[in-house]
């Protein structure tokens, strides 16, 4: 089960996207949105000590210019000609934390 437990910019709903500072005319962006650090304590409400489980953290980074946007700007063409999105939003995953009741 996927659950948002910490969100930046005072968002309370994980379906609300983080902002985007990419200037589509220049390809420049600022890292002025989001939070530099998030801290949270979470307890699994469905934890069953007799059942195997694993947990991991997923982080969404702010959007940045995609190489296709930078190439289009450099070549002086419309980015739509590249057939690629202008920006990309990377994801980071932690190593899983495994729980095994038999160990």
N, C-alpha and C. Protein backbone atom coordinates (compact mmCIF):
# COMPACT_ATOMS: atom_id res chain seq x y z
N UNK A 1 0.84 -1.17 0.00
CA UNK A 1 0.00 0.00 0.00
C UNK A 1 0.89 1.24 0.00
N UNK A 2 0.69 2.13 -0.94
CA UNK A 2 1.46 3.36 -1.04
C UNK A 2 0.75 4.45 -0.26
N UNK A 3 1.51 5.21 0.52
CA UNK A 3 0.92 6.26 1.33
C UNK A 3 1.89 7.43 1.43
N UNK A 4 1.38 8.63 1.23
CA UNK A 4 2.18 9.84 1.42
C UNK A 4 2.18 10.17 2.91
N UNK A 5 3.38 10.27 3.48
CA UNK A 5 3.45 10.57 4.91
C UNK A 5 4.18 11.87 5.22
N UNK A 6 4.87 12.43 4.24
CA UNK A 6 5.53 13.73 4.42
C UNK A 6 5.51 14.44 3.07
N UNK A 7 5.04 15.68 3.07
CA UNK A 7 4.92 16.44 1.83
C UNK A 7 5.54 17.81 2.02
N UNK A 8 6.16 18.33 0.97
CA UNK A 8 6.80 19.65 1.04
C UNK A 8 5.80 20.76 0.77
N UNK A 9 6.24 21.96 1.02
CA UNK A 9 5.47 23.17 0.72
C UNK A 9 4.09 23.20 1.37
N UNK A 10 3.99 22.64 2.56
CA UNK A 10 2.73 22.64 3.31
C UNK A 10 1.57 21.98 2.57
N UNK A 11 1.89 21.07 1.62
CA UNK A 11 0.82 20.34 0.94
C UNK A 11 0.31 19.26 1.88
N UNK A 12 -0.99 19.02 1.86
CA UNK A 12 -1.57 17.98 2.71
C UNK A 12 -2.10 16.82 1.88
N UNK A 13 -2.02 16.94 0.57
CA UNK A 13 -2.56 15.92 -0.32
C UNK A 13 -1.49 15.53 -1.33
N UNK A 14 -1.13 14.25 -1.37
CA UNK A 14 -0.09 13.77 -2.28
C UNK A 14 -0.47 13.84 -3.74
N UNK A 15 -1.75 14.08 -4.05
CA UNK A 15 -2.14 14.19 -5.45
C UNK A 15 -1.87 15.60 -6.00
N UNK A 16 -1.56 16.54 -5.11
CA UNK A 16 -1.22 17.90 -5.55
C UNK A 16 0.26 17.91 -5.91
N UNK A 17 0.58 18.20 -7.17
CA UNK A 17 1.99 18.15 -7.57
C UNK A 17 2.81 19.28 -6.97
N UNK A 18 4.10 19.01 -6.81
CA UNK A 18 5.01 20.06 -6.40
C UNK A 18 5.11 21.05 -7.57
N UNK A 19 5.48 22.28 -7.30
CA UNK A 19 5.55 23.28 -8.36
C UNK A 19 6.63 22.98 -9.39
N UNK A 20 6.74 23.86 -10.36
CA UNK A 20 7.72 23.71 -11.44
C UNK A 20 8.31 25.08 -11.73
N UNK A 21 9.63 25.21 -11.60
CA UNK A 21 10.29 26.50 -11.84
C UNK A 21 11.04 26.55 -13.17
N UNK A 22 10.90 25.53 -14.01
CA UNK A 22 11.64 25.49 -15.27
C UNK A 22 11.11 26.56 -16.21
N UNK A 23 12.02 27.40 -16.70
CA UNK A 23 11.70 28.39 -17.72
C UNK A 23 11.86 27.70 -19.08
N UNK A 24 10.74 27.47 -19.77
CA UNK A 24 10.78 26.72 -21.02
C UNK A 24 11.47 27.48 -22.15
N UNK A 25 11.67 28.78 -21.99
CA UNK A 25 12.35 29.56 -23.03
C UNK A 25 13.87 29.48 -22.89
N UNK A 26 14.36 29.29 -21.65
CA UNK A 26 15.81 29.29 -21.43
C UNK A 26 16.34 27.94 -20.93
N UNK A 27 15.47 27.11 -20.39
CA UNK A 27 15.91 25.85 -19.80
C UNK A 27 16.46 26.00 -18.40
N UNK A 28 16.43 27.21 -17.86
CA UNK A 28 16.96 27.43 -16.50
C UNK A 28 15.85 27.17 -15.48
N UNK A 29 16.27 26.79 -14.29
CA UNK A 29 15.32 26.57 -13.20
C UNK A 29 15.96 26.96 -11.89
N UNK A 30 15.14 27.16 -10.89
CA UNK A 30 15.65 27.48 -9.56
C UNK A 30 15.23 26.37 -8.61
N UNK A 31 16.04 26.15 -7.63
CA UNK A 31 15.75 25.13 -6.62
C UNK A 31 15.18 25.83 -5.39
N UNK A 32 14.09 26.56 -5.59
CA UNK A 32 13.52 27.38 -4.52
C UNK A 32 12.19 26.83 -4.02
N UNK A 33 11.78 25.67 -4.49
CA UNK A 33 10.52 25.08 -4.05
C UNK A 33 10.82 23.76 -3.35
N UNK A 34 9.83 23.21 -2.72
CA UNK A 34 10.05 21.97 -1.98
C UNK A 34 10.68 22.28 -0.64
N UNK A 35 11.18 21.26 0.01
CA UNK A 35 11.83 21.41 1.30
C UNK A 35 13.20 20.77 1.25
N UNK A 36 14.16 21.40 1.89
CA UNK A 36 15.52 20.84 1.92
C UNK A 36 15.58 19.60 2.79
N UNK A 37 14.68 19.49 3.75
CA UNK A 37 14.70 18.36 4.67
C UNK A 37 13.28 18.05 5.12
N UNK A 38 12.95 16.78 5.15
CA UNK A 38 11.66 16.33 5.69
C UNK A 38 11.94 15.31 6.78
N UNK A 39 11.25 15.43 7.89
CA UNK A 39 11.38 14.46 8.98
C UNK A 39 9.99 13.98 9.34
N UNK A 40 9.90 12.69 9.58
CA UNK A 40 8.60 12.14 9.96
C UNK A 40 8.81 10.85 10.74
N UNK A 41 7.92 10.60 11.65
CA UNK A 41 7.87 9.32 12.36
C UNK A 41 6.58 8.66 11.91
N UNK A 42 6.69 7.42 11.47
CA UNK A 42 5.51 6.71 10.96
C UNK A 42 5.45 5.33 11.58
N UNK A 43 4.26 4.90 11.93
CA UNK A 43 4.01 3.56 12.43
C UNK A 43 2.98 2.91 11.52
N UNK A 44 3.26 1.70 11.09
CA UNK A 44 2.36 0.98 10.20
C UNK A 44 1.09 0.60 10.96
N UNK A 45 -0.05 1.19 10.60
CA UNK A 45 -1.28 0.88 11.33
C UNK A 45 -1.77 -0.54 11.10
N UNK A 46 -1.30 -1.18 10.03
CA UNK A 46 -1.71 -2.55 9.72
C UNK A 46 -0.64 -3.58 10.06
N UNK A 47 0.35 -3.18 10.85
CA UNK A 47 1.46 -4.08 11.16
C UNK A 47 0.96 -5.35 11.84
N UNK A 48 1.44 -6.47 11.32
CA UNK A 48 1.11 -7.78 11.88
C UNK A 48 2.45 -8.44 12.21
N UNK A 49 2.80 -8.62 13.47
CA UNK A 49 4.12 -9.15 13.83
C UNK A 49 4.37 -10.57 13.34
N UNK A 50 3.36 -11.28 12.90
CA UNK A 50 3.57 -12.63 12.38
C UNK A 50 3.71 -12.68 10.86
N UNK A 51 3.67 -11.52 10.22
CA UNK A 51 3.70 -11.46 8.75
C UNK A 51 4.97 -10.77 8.26
N UNK A 52 5.56 -11.31 7.18
CA UNK A 52 6.70 -10.64 6.54
C UNK A 52 6.26 -9.28 6.01
N UNK A 53 7.18 -8.33 6.02
CA UNK A 53 6.86 -6.99 5.50
C UNK A 53 8.14 -6.32 5.03
N UNK A 54 7.98 -5.31 4.18
CA UNK A 54 9.11 -4.46 3.82
C UNK A 54 8.60 -3.04 3.65
N UNK A 55 9.49 -2.11 3.90
CA UNK A 55 9.17 -0.69 3.82
C UNK A 55 10.28 0.01 3.07
N UNK A 56 9.92 1.08 2.35
CA UNK A 56 10.93 1.88 1.67
C UNK A 56 10.41 3.31 1.55
N UNK A 57 11.31 4.20 1.25
CA UNK A 57 10.98 5.61 1.09
C UNK A 57 11.13 5.97 -0.38
N UNK A 58 10.16 6.71 -0.89
CA UNK A 58 10.23 7.22 -2.26
C UNK A 58 10.14 8.74 -2.19
N UNK A 59 11.04 9.40 -2.89
CA UNK A 59 11.09 10.85 -2.90
C UNK A 59 10.92 11.34 -4.33
N UNK A 60 10.07 12.33 -4.52
CA UNK A 60 9.92 12.96 -5.83
C UNK A 60 10.73 14.25 -5.82
N UNK A 61 11.60 14.40 -6.80
CA UNK A 61 12.39 15.62 -6.90
C UNK A 61 11.60 16.67 -7.67
N UNK A 62 12.06 17.91 -7.61
CA UNK A 62 11.38 18.96 -8.37
C UNK A 62 11.64 18.75 -9.86
N UNK A 63 10.74 19.20 -10.73
CA UNK A 63 10.98 19.07 -12.16
C UNK A 63 12.23 19.85 -12.59
N UNK A 64 12.95 19.28 -13.53
CA UNK A 64 14.12 19.92 -14.13
C UNK A 64 14.00 19.83 -15.65
N UNK A 65 14.76 20.64 -16.38
CA UNK A 65 14.66 20.58 -17.84
C UNK A 65 15.16 19.25 -18.38
N UNK A 66 14.44 18.71 -19.32
CA UNK A 66 14.85 17.46 -19.96
C UNK A 66 15.86 17.81 -21.06
N UNK A 67 16.73 16.88 -21.37
CA UNK A 67 17.76 17.14 -22.39
C UNK A 67 17.13 17.59 -23.70
N UNK A 68 15.94 17.09 -24.02
CA UNK A 68 15.29 17.46 -25.29
C UNK A 68 14.94 18.95 -25.32
N UNK A 69 14.57 19.53 -24.17
CA UNK A 69 14.30 20.97 -24.11
C UNK A 69 15.59 21.74 -24.33
N UNK A 70 16.67 21.33 -23.66
CA UNK A 70 17.94 22.03 -23.81
C UNK A 70 18.46 21.93 -25.25
N UNK A 71 18.29 20.75 -25.87
CA UNK A 71 18.70 20.60 -27.27
C UNK A 71 17.87 21.49 -28.19
N UNK A 72 16.56 21.54 -27.96
CA UNK A 72 15.67 22.36 -28.80
C UNK A 72 16.04 23.84 -28.68
N UNK A 73 16.33 24.28 -27.47
CA UNK A 73 16.73 25.69 -27.28
C UNK A 73 18.03 25.96 -28.02
N UNK A 74 19.00 25.07 -27.87
CA UNK A 74 20.31 25.25 -28.53
C UNK A 74 20.18 25.25 -30.06
N UNK A 75 19.30 24.40 -30.58
CA UNK A 75 19.12 24.29 -32.04
C UNK A 75 18.12 25.29 -32.59
N UNK A 76 17.43 26.00 -31.70
CA UNK A 76 16.46 26.99 -32.15
C UNK A 76 15.22 26.38 -32.78
N UNK A 77 14.81 25.21 -32.29
CA UNK A 77 13.61 24.56 -32.82
C UNK A 77 12.55 24.47 -31.72
N UNK A 78 11.32 24.21 -32.14
CA UNK A 78 10.23 24.01 -31.19
C UNK A 78 10.44 22.67 -30.50
N UNK A 79 10.37 22.67 -29.17
CA UNK A 79 10.61 21.43 -28.42
C UNK A 79 9.62 20.34 -28.79
N UNK A 80 8.45 20.71 -29.29
CA UNK A 80 7.46 19.71 -29.71
C UNK A 80 8.00 18.84 -30.85
N UNK A 81 8.94 19.38 -31.63
CA UNK A 81 9.55 18.61 -32.72
C UNK A 81 10.37 17.43 -32.20
N UNK A 82 10.78 17.48 -30.95
CA UNK A 82 11.57 16.39 -30.38
C UNK A 82 10.71 15.20 -29.97
N UNK A 83 9.40 15.42 -29.88
CA UNK A 83 8.46 14.38 -29.42
C UNK A 83 8.77 13.89 -28.01
N UNK A 84 9.34 14.78 -27.18
CA UNK A 84 9.64 14.44 -25.79
C UNK A 84 9.11 15.56 -24.90
N UNK A 85 8.83 15.25 -23.64
CA UNK A 85 8.40 16.28 -22.70
C UNK A 85 9.50 17.32 -22.47
N UNK A 86 9.09 18.50 -22.06
CA UNK A 86 10.05 19.58 -21.79
C UNK A 86 10.81 19.37 -20.49
N UNK A 87 10.15 18.76 -19.52
CA UNK A 87 10.76 18.58 -18.21
C UNK A 87 10.69 17.11 -17.79
N UNK A 88 11.44 16.81 -16.76
CA UNK A 88 11.42 15.47 -16.18
C UNK A 88 11.42 15.61 -14.67
N UNK A 89 10.73 14.70 -14.00
CA UNK A 89 10.71 14.70 -12.54
C UNK A 89 11.25 13.36 -12.07
N UNK A 90 12.46 13.39 -11.54
CA UNK A 90 13.13 12.17 -11.11
C UNK A 90 12.56 11.67 -9.78
N UNK A 91 12.74 10.40 -9.55
CA UNK A 91 12.32 9.76 -8.31
C UNK A 91 13.52 9.08 -7.67
N UNK A 92 13.54 9.08 -6.37
CA UNK A 92 14.61 8.44 -5.61
C UNK A 92 13.96 7.42 -4.69
N UNK A 93 14.53 6.22 -4.64
CA UNK A 93 14.01 5.17 -3.76
C UNK A 93 15.09 4.76 -2.77
N UNK A 94 14.70 4.55 -1.54
CA UNK A 94 15.65 4.06 -0.54
C UNK A 94 15.80 2.55 -0.67
N UNK A 95 16.78 2.04 0.01
CA UNK A 95 16.89 0.59 0.15
C UNK A 95 15.73 0.12 1.03
N UNK A 96 15.20 -1.06 0.76
CA UNK A 96 14.08 -1.53 1.58
C UNK A 96 14.52 -1.91 2.99
N UNK A 97 13.60 -1.79 3.89
CA UNK A 97 13.78 -2.26 5.25
C UNK A 97 12.89 -3.49 5.37
N UNK A 98 13.50 -4.63 5.61
CA UNK A 98 12.78 -5.90 5.65
C UNK A 98 12.45 -6.29 7.08
N UNK A 99 11.25 -6.80 7.28
CA UNK A 99 10.86 -7.37 8.56
C UNK A 99 10.50 -8.83 8.34
N UNK A 100 11.20 -9.70 9.06
CA UNK A 100 10.95 -11.14 8.97
C UNK A 100 10.72 -11.66 10.38
N UNK A 101 9.50 -12.10 10.70
CA UNK A 101 9.20 -12.54 12.07
C UNK A 101 9.96 -13.81 12.48
N UNK A 102 10.51 -14.53 11.50
CA UNK A 102 11.20 -15.78 11.81
C UNK A 102 12.69 -15.61 12.08
N UNK A 103 13.16 -14.39 12.11
CA UNK A 103 14.58 -14.17 12.35
C UNK A 103 14.80 -13.35 13.58
